[in-house]
Amino acid sequence: MDGNNRISNEQIKALLITTVIGVGILSLPSDVAAIMRTGGWVAIVIGGILIIPFIIIIDRIFKLYPGKSIFQIGQEVMPPWIFKLILLILLAYMLFILSYGIRVFAEVIKAYLLETTPTEVIIITMLIAVSYIARSNIEAIARMAVMIYPIILGFTIFIILVNLPNTDYTNIYPVFDIDYARLPKGIMGTIFAYAGYELIIFVLPLSEDSNGSLMYNLRGLFIVMGVYLIMFFITLSRYGVFQLQREIWPSIAVVKEVDLPGFFLENLDGIVMAAWVMVVYGSMGPSLYAAGLILSNILNTRYHNIFIPFFLPIIYIVALLPSNLVQVYEKMGAILNYITAVAIFLIPIIIFASAYIKKRRGRT
């Protein structure tokens, strides 16, 4: 691997944070509140904790086969047709998650910023912009993530500060109002919010210090979990559980309702939308890059960037299949939760089991 394909663990952490925090954060507070009421934070925490063993499993795969990419490991430890099937599933997942993300992005921009602009125009514009960074090498994408990462943290702190005067902390009580019968459904509702961690499979071998990468990956997960918990408690304390359940995108609505009379900017809509566009851009770029990387390895080509333009019409068509926002969340969202579970949980286990068995047999 050349120097342009080596990135630091700090860059990997930033890359994972920006990839995971995308459109899922918009509806997460209302989604978990609808299922778990004020105990929705428990589902967010458990959903994050469930990711930890799979981060460790992925890290262990590359410890068993140091210096090799996931494509080299897969070809070595599994029958070719099985590994190619896994890659096709991952490719379909990447394209589907991009289609879902770009459609939600377009709906939000249309609702809050460009009311008269057709959804199709917003989607096409964003796809062209995302394809530019996706055609780059991983170092350029990682540098972009390092730039966007402080924006995410700064935006989170900003939301806390501007909402403090109007926060009613009694709305978060009872904190431990947990319906254990609905907990599995609540956890399942958080799965998409953690989508993006499967990117470790592709970027971990590119680390300049693979021995210390695990702790950086876990820190990234805890930061994501912390951002989600902050957004849940801020929106819950601002709206109360019943109004929060009715909000479509509470994470944006909670900032839109803030007024700063006497300040240079009394309306925060423009700042909020500008920051969020960058967050979504940072989330979609790595996913499109990964899709190109997967297909280039399936077809045994040297460069991933030649496939990026061919993905755009597929993403565009799938994104426009739902006729309205309700179908986007009810149909595409439901499908995506299950596909994400397969991509994050099942596929790493299959690859690790195959790698471990192959390694054990090689020693005997």
Protein backbone atom coordinates (compact mmCIF):
# COMPACT_ATOMS: atom_id res chain seq x y z
CA MET A 1 0.00 0.00 0.00
CA ASP A 2 1.37 3.38 -0.90
CA GLY A 3 1.72 6.35 1.39
CA ASN A 4 -1.52 7.91 0.17
CA ASN A 5 -3.42 4.93 1.57
CA ARG A 6 -2.07 5.17 5.12
CA ILE A 7 -4.06 7.04 7.76
CA SER A 8 -3.59 7.61 11.47
CA ASN A 9 -5.80 6.14 14.19
CA GLU A 10 -7.05 9.64 14.99
CA GLN A 11 -8.18 9.97 11.37
CA ILE A 12 -9.90 6.58 11.55
CA LYS A 13 -11.74 7.68 14.69
CA ALA A 14 -12.88 10.89 13.00
CA LEU A 15 -13.85 8.94 9.89
CA LEU A 16 -16.04 6.55 11.88
CA ILE A 17 -17.72 9.35 13.84
CA THR A 18 -18.58 11.36 10.74
CA THR A 19 -19.78 8.26 8.88
CA VAL A 20 -22.02 7.02 11.69
CA ILE A 21 -23.60 10.37 12.61
CA GLY A 22 -25.68 11.14 9.54
CA VAL A 23 -29.40 11.32 8.90
CA GLY A 24 -30.13 8.80 11.66
CA ILE A 25 -29.64 11.39 14.39
CA LEU A 26 -32.56 13.46 13.09
CA SER A 27 -35.34 11.06 14.07
CA LEU A 28 -33.56 8.94 16.70
CA PRO A 29 -34.93 10.81 19.76
CA SER A 30 -38.55 10.54 18.60
CA ASP A 31 -38.09 6.94 17.40
CA VAL A 32 -36.86 5.66 20.77
CA ALA A 33 -39.31 7.88 22.69
CA ALA A 34 -42.21 6.37 20.73
CA ILE A 35 -41.13 2.89 21.83
CA MET A 36 -39.49 3.40 25.24
CA ARG A 37 -40.90 6.76 26.41
CA THR A 38 -38.50 8.47 28.86
CA GLY A 39 -36.46 5.27 29.06
CA GLY A 40 -35.36 5.61 25.43
CA TRP A 41 -31.82 6.42 26.57
CA VAL A 42 -31.45 2.79 27.69
CA ALA A 43 -32.02 1.56 24.12
CA ILE A 44 -29.41 4.03 22.84
CA VAL A 45 -26.84 2.84 25.39
CA ILE A 46 -27.49 -0.87 24.87
CA GLY A 47 -27.48 -0.41 21.08
CA GLY A 48 -24.02 1.16 21.36
CA ILE A 49 -22.74 -1.49 23.78
CA LEU A 50 -23.82 -4.23 21.35
CA ILE A 51 -21.47 -2.74 18.75
CA ILE A 52 -18.41 -3.16 21.02
CA PRO A 53 -17.88 -6.94 20.62
CA PHE A 54 -18.12 -6.62 16.86
CA ILE A 55 -15.52 -3.85 16.80
CA ILE A 56 -13.30 -6.22 18.79
CA ILE A 57 -14.08 -9.09 16.38
CA ILE A 58 -13.13 -6.97 13.36
CA ASP A 59 -9.94 -5.87 15.10
CA ARG A 60 -9.15 -9.51 15.89
CA ILE A 61 -9.57 -10.50 12.23
CA PHE A 62 -6.73 -8.19 11.23
CA LYS A 63 -4.62 -9.31 14.18
CA LEU A 64 -4.87 -12.87 12.84
CA TYR A 65 -3.81 -11.72 9.37
CA PRO A 66 -1.66 -8.60 9.85
CA GLY A 67 -0.87 -6.49 6.83
CA LYS A 68 -3.72 -7.89 4.74
CA SER A 69 -6.93 -6.22 3.58
CA ILE A 70 -10.35 -7.74 4.20
CA PHE A 71 -10.46 -8.71 0.53
CA GLN A 72 -7.21 -10.66 0.78
CA ILE A 73 -8.31 -12.32 4.02
CA GLY A 74 -11.72 -13.26 2.62
CA GLN A 75 -10.22 -14.84 -0.49
CA GLU A 76 -7.80 -16.81 1.68
CA VAL A 77 -10.18 -18.17 4.32
CA MET A 78 -13.46 -18.65 2.43
CA PRO A 79 -14.64 -20.26 -0.82
CA PRO A 80 -14.56 -17.56 -3.52
CA TRP A 81 -18.28 -17.71 -4.29
CA ILE A 82 -19.25 -17.31 -0.62
CA PHE A 83 -16.95 -14.33 -0.15
CA LYS A 84 -18.22 -12.69 -3.35
CA LEU A 85 -21.78 -13.21 -2.11
CA ILE A 86 -20.85 -11.44 1.14
CA LEU A 87 -19.32 -8.58 -0.84
CA LEU A 88 -22.47 -8.30 -2.96
CA ILE A 89 -24.59 -8.10 0.21
CA LEU A 90 -22.32 -5.36 1.55
CA LEU A 91 -22.50 -3.53 -1.78
CA ALA A 92 -26.31 -3.69 -1.81
CA TYR A 93 -26.33 -2.46 1.79
CA MET A 94 -24.07 0.50 0.98
CA LEU A 95 -26.18 1.55 -2.00
CA PHE A 96 -29.42 1.16 -0.05
CA ILE A 97 -28.19 3.16 2.92
CA LEU A 98 -27.02 5.89 0.54
CA SER A 99 -30.43 5.93 -1.17
CA TYR A 100 -32.20 6.21 2.16
CA GLY A 101 -29.84 8.89 3.44
CA ILE A 102 -30.03 11.05 0.31
CA ARG A 103 -33.85 10.89 0.29
CA VAL A 104 -34.14 11.93 3.94
CA PHE A 105 -31.57 14.65 3.31
CA ALA A 106 -33.60 15.98 0.37
CA GLU A 107 -36.83 15.95 2.40
CA VAL A 108 -35.23 17.89 5.25
CA ILE A 109 -33.64 20.47 2.95
CA LYS A 110 -36.95 20.89 1.12
CA ALA A 111 -38.89 21.30 4.37
CA TYR A 112 -36.57 23.77 6.07
CA LEU A 113 -34.51 25.53 3.41
CA LEU A 114 -35.44 25.09 -0.28
CA GLU A 115 -39.21 24.75 -0.19
CA THR A 116 -39.80 25.29 -3.92
CA THR A 117 -36.85 23.23 -5.16
CA PRO A 118 -37.81 19.80 -6.54
CA THR A 119 -36.63 16.82 -4.50
CA GLU A 120 -34.97 15.40 -7.61
CA VAL A 121 -32.77 18.48 -8.02
CA ILE A 122 -31.63 18.35 -4.39
CA ILE A 123 -30.78 14.65 -4.70
CA ILE A 124 -28.84 15.08 -7.95
CA THR A 125 -26.88 18.05 -6.60
CA MET A 126 -25.87 16.23 -3.43
CA LEU A 127 -24.95 13.04 -5.29
CA ILE A 128 -22.62 14.95 -7.61
CA ALA A 129 -20.96 16.63 -4.63
CA VAL A 130 -20.57 13.35 -2.71
CA SER A 131 -19.21 11.52 -5.76
CA TYR A 132 -16.34 14.02 -5.93
CA ILE A 133 -14.94 13.06 -2.52
CA ALA A 134 -15.81 9.36 -2.97
CA ARG A 135 -13.55 9.19 -6.04
CA SER A 136 -10.58 10.29 -3.92
CA ASN A 137 -8.23 8.04 -1.98
CA ILE A 138 -8.82 7.17 1.66
CA GLU A 139 -6.33 9.76 2.94
CA ALA A 140 -8.29 12.62 1.34
CA ILE A 141 -11.55 11.26 2.77
CA ALA A 142 -9.96 10.92 6.21
CA ARG A 143 -8.73 14.53 6.06
CA MET A 144 -12.27 15.62 5.26
CA ALA A 145 -13.52 13.67 8.29
CA VAL A 146 -10.98 15.38 10.54
CA MET A 147 -12.35 18.74 9.36
CA ILE A 148 -16.00 17.79 9.93
CA TYR A 149 -15.49 16.03 13.27
CA PRO A 150 -15.01 19.30 15.27
CA ILE A 151 -18.13 20.70 13.60
CA ILE A 152 -20.16 17.79 15.01
CA LEU A 153 -18.81 18.30 18.53
CA GLY A 154 -19.15 22.09 18.28
CA PHE A 155 -22.70 21.77 16.99
CA THR A 156 -23.60 19.46 19.89
CA ILE A 157 -22.19 21.90 22.46
CA PHE A 158 -23.98 24.76 20.68
CA ILE A 159 -27.32 22.94 20.92
CA ILE A 160 -26.81 22.41 24.65
CA LEU A 161 -26.00 26.07 25.28
CA VAL A 162 -28.84 27.61 23.26
CA ASN A 163 -31.42 25.29 24.81
CA LEU A 164 -30.42 25.70 28.44
CA PRO A 165 -32.71 28.71 29.10
CA ASN A 166 -35.80 26.84 27.84
CA THR A 167 -35.08 23.40 29.25
CA ASP A 168 -37.52 21.76 31.65
CA TYR A 169 -35.56 18.95 33.29
CA THR A 170 -38.67 17.50 34.92
CA ASN A 171 -39.65 16.20 31.46
CA ILE A 172 -36.94 13.54 31.61
CA TYR A 173 -38.53 11.90 34.66
CA PRO A 174 -39.02 9.07 35.39
CA VAL A 175 -35.54 8.35 34.02
CA PHE A 176 -35.84 4.61 34.65
CA ASP A 177 -39.29 4.18 33.14
CA ILE A 178 -38.22 1.06 31.24
CA ASP A 179 -40.66 -1.32 29.57
CA TYR A 180 -38.53 -4.45 29.28
CA ALA A 181 -41.04 -6.09 26.95
CA ARG A 182 -40.48 -3.28 24.44
CA LEU A 183 -36.73 -3.03 25.00
CA PRO A 184 -35.75 -5.37 22.11
CA LYS A 185 -37.87 -3.29 19.73
CA GLY A 186 -36.31 -0.12 21.12
CA ILE A 187 -32.79 -1.48 20.60
CA MET A 188 -33.69 -2.53 17.06
CA GLY A 189 -34.84 1.03 16.46
CA THR A 190 -31.34 2.32 17.27
CA ILE A 191 -29.50 -0.07 14.92
CA PHE A 192 -29.58 2.29 11.93
CA ALA A 193 -28.25 5.11 14.10
CA TYR A 194 -25.04 3.09 14.51
CA ALA A 195 -24.79 2.14 10.84
CA GLY A 196 -21.38 3.02 9.46
CA TYR A 197 -19.20 1.10 11.88
CA GLU A 198 -18.81 -1.65 9.31
CA LEU A 199 -16.47 0.80 7.56
CA ILE A 200 -13.79 -0.44 9.98
CA ILE A 201 -13.58 -3.58 7.83
CA PHE A 202 -12.13 -1.51 4.99
CA VAL A 203 -10.05 1.14 6.78
CA LEU A 204 -8.50 -0.74 9.71
CA PRO A 205 -5.73 -2.39 7.61
CA LEU A 206 -4.72 1.10 6.44
CA SER A 207 -3.84 2.26 9.96
CA GLU A 208 -0.30 3.50 10.55
CA ASP A 209 -0.43 1.82 13.98
CA SER A 210 -2.82 -1.12 13.89
CA ASN A 211 -1.86 -2.20 17.44
CA GLY A 212 -3.42 0.90 18.98
CA SER A 213 -6.43 1.23 16.67
CA LEU A 214 -8.91 -0.64 18.88
CA MET A 215 -8.97 2.01 21.61
CA TYR A 216 -9.47 4.78 19.06
CA ASN A 217 -12.39 2.89 17.51
CA LEU A 218 -14.00 2.40 20.91
CA ARG A 219 -13.50 6.07 21.79
CA GLY A 220 -15.21 6.98 18.55
CA LEU A 221 -18.15 4.76 19.48
CA PHE A 222 -18.46 6.36 22.92
CA ILE A 223 -18.41 9.84 21.36
CA VAL A 224 -21.22 8.83 18.98
CA MET A 225 -23.17 7.35 21.88
CA GLY A 226 -22.62 10.53 23.89
CA VAL A 227 -23.89 12.74 21.06
CA TYR A 228 -27.01 10.58 20.71
CA LEU A 229 -27.71 10.66 24.45
CA ILE A 230 -27.29 14.44 24.57
CA MET A 231 -29.71 14.89 21.65
CA PHE A 232 -32.23 12.57 23.29
CA PHE A 233 -32.18 14.31 26.68
CA ILE A 234 -32.15 17.82 25.16
CA THR A 235 -35.16 17.11 22.94
CA LEU A 236 -36.95 15.20 25.70
CA SER A 237 -36.47 17.98 28.25
CA ARG A 238 -37.52 20.61 25.71
CA TYR A 239 -40.67 18.92 24.38
CA GLY A 240 -41.71 16.30 26.91
CA VAL A 241 -42.24 12.69 25.94
CA PHE A 242 -45.64 13.06 24.25
CA GLN A 243 -44.73 15.98 22.01
CA LEU A 244 -41.34 14.39 21.26
CA GLN A 245 -43.11 11.29 19.97
CA ARG A 246 -44.98 13.46 17.44
CA GLU A 247 -41.89 15.28 16.13
CA ILE A 248 -40.45 13.98 12.84
CA TRP A 249 -36.98 15.54 13.13
CA PRO A 250 -36.67 16.76 16.73
CA SER A 251 -32.89 17.22 16.51
CA ILE A 252 -33.40 20.03 13.98
CA ALA A 253 -36.69 21.34 15.36
CA VAL A 254 -35.16 21.93 18.80
CA VAL A 255 -32.65 24.39 17.32
CA LYS A 256 -35.10 25.98 14.88
CA GLU A 257 -37.28 27.09 17.76
CA VAL A 258 -34.45 28.94 19.50
CA ASP A 259 -34.61 32.74 19.25
CA LEU A 260 -31.67 34.95 20.16
CA PRO A 261 -33.13 38.49 20.27
CA GLY A 262 -30.51 41.21 20.12
CA PHE A 263 -27.84 38.92 18.66
CA PHE A 264 -26.29 39.35 15.21
CA LEU A 265 -28.22 36.27 14.04
CA GLU A 266 -31.64 35.95 15.61
CA ASN A 267 -32.67 33.04 13.38
CA LEU A 268 -30.40 29.98 13.42
CA ASP A 269 -31.91 28.13 10.45
CA GLY A 270 -29.08 28.94 8.07
CA ILE A 271 -26.34 27.93 10.52
CA VAL A 272 -28.12 24.71 11.44
CA MET A 273 -28.67 23.68 7.83
CA ALA A 274 -25.12 24.56 6.79
CA ALA A 275 -23.65 22.46 9.60
CA TRP A 276 -25.99 19.57 8.93
CA VAL A 277 -25.23 19.53 5.18
CA MET A 278 -21.55 19.08 6.05
CA VAL A 279 -22.38 16.29 8.50
CA VAL A 280 -24.38 14.39 5.87
CA TYR A 281 -21.66 14.99 3.29
CA GLY A 282 -19.13 13.51 5.70
CA SER A 283 -21.40 10.52 6.27
CA MET A 284 -22.21 9.69 2.65
CA GLY A 285 -18.74 10.17 1.14
CA PRO A 286 -17.08 7.21 2.92
CA SER A 287 -20.06 4.94 2.21
CA LEU A 288 -19.92 5.68 -1.52
CA TYR A 289 -16.14 5.17 -1.44
CA ALA A 290 -16.65 1.77 0.23
CA ALA A 291 -19.20 0.77 -2.42
CA GLY A 292 -16.69 1.55 -5.17
CA LEU A 293 -13.98 -0.35 -3.30
CA ILE A 294 -16.20 -3.43 -2.97
CA LEU A 295 -17.15 -3.54 -6.65
CA SER A 296 -13.56 -2.98 -7.77
CA ASN A 297 -12.52 -6.04 -5.76
CA ILE A 298 -15.43 -8.14 -7.01
CA LEU A 299 -14.43 -7.35 -10.61
CA ASN A 300 -10.68 -7.43 -9.84
CA THR A 301 -9.97 -3.91 -11.09
CA ARG A 302 -7.24 -1.65 -9.76
CA TYR A 303 -9.21 1.55 -9.14
CA HIS A 304 -12.46 2.07 -7.27
CA ASN A 305 -13.25 5.52 -8.68
CA ILE A 306 -14.31 4.30 -12.13
CA PHE A 307 -17.44 2.74 -10.59
CA ILE A 308 -18.64 5.76 -8.61
CA PRO A 309 -20.52 7.42 -11.55
CA PHE A 310 -22.38 4.17 -12.27
CA PHE A 311 -23.73 4.05 -8.71
CA LEU A 312 -25.34 7.49 -8.90
CA PRO A 313 -28.36 6.59 -11.09
CA ILE A 314 -29.00 3.47 -8.98
CA ILE A 315 -28.99 5.52 -5.77
CA TYR A 316 -31.17 8.17 -7.42
CA ILE A 317 -33.80 5.67 -8.60
CA VAL A 318 -34.00 3.78 -5.30
CA ALA A 319 -34.18 7.05 -3.35
CA LEU A 320 -37.26 8.13 -5.32
CA LEU A 321 -39.13 4.82 -5.03
CA PRO A 322 -41.10 5.86 -1.89
CA SER A 323 -43.86 8.26 -2.86
CA ASN A 324 -43.75 10.20 0.42
CA LEU A 325 -41.85 10.60 3.69
CA VAL A 326 -44.07 8.11 5.51
CA GLN A 327 -43.04 5.36 3.11
CA VAL A 328 -39.40 6.39 3.44
CA TYR A 329 -39.43 5.73 7.18
CA GLU A 330 -41.93 2.86 7.35
CA LYS A 331 -40.72 0.80 4.37
CA MET A 332 -37.14 1.80 3.61
CA GLY A 333 -36.34 2.37 7.28
CA ALA A 334 -37.68 -1.03 8.33
CA ILE A 335 -35.72 -2.82 5.59
CA LEU A 336 -32.59 -0.86 6.44
CA ASN A 337 -32.69 -1.86 10.12
CA TYR A 338 -32.50 -5.55 9.18
CA ILE A 339 -29.85 -5.08 6.47
CA THR A 340 -27.77 -3.01 8.89
CA ALA A 341 -27.99 -5.77 11.50
CA VAL A 342 -26.62 -8.24 8.93
CA ALA A 343 -23.82 -5.88 7.85
CA ILE A 344 -22.72 -4.92 11.37
CA PHE A 345 -23.28 -8.18 13.25
CA LEU A 346 -23.59 -11.26 11.03
CA ILE A 347 -20.95 -10.65 8.34
CA PRO A 348 -18.06 -9.89 10.76
CA ILE A 349 -18.89 -13.08 12.69
CA ILE A 350 -18.84 -15.19 9.52
CA ILE A 351 -15.51 -13.73 8.36
CA PHE A 352 -13.94 -14.03 11.83
CA ALA A 353 -15.10 -17.63 12.27
CA SER A 354 -13.69 -18.56 8.86
CA ALA A 355 -10.39 -16.76 9.57
CA TYR A 356 -10.05 -18.34 13.02
CA ILE A 357 -10.77 -21.87 11.76
CA LYS A 358 -8.35 -21.44 8.86
CA LYS A 359 -5.65 -20.18 11.22
CA ARG A 360 -6.17 -23.08 13.64
CA ARG A 361 -5.98 -25.63 10.85
CA GLY A 362 -2.79 -24.03 9.59
CA ARG A 363 -1.15 -24.57 12.97
CA THR A 364 -2.06 -28.26 13.20
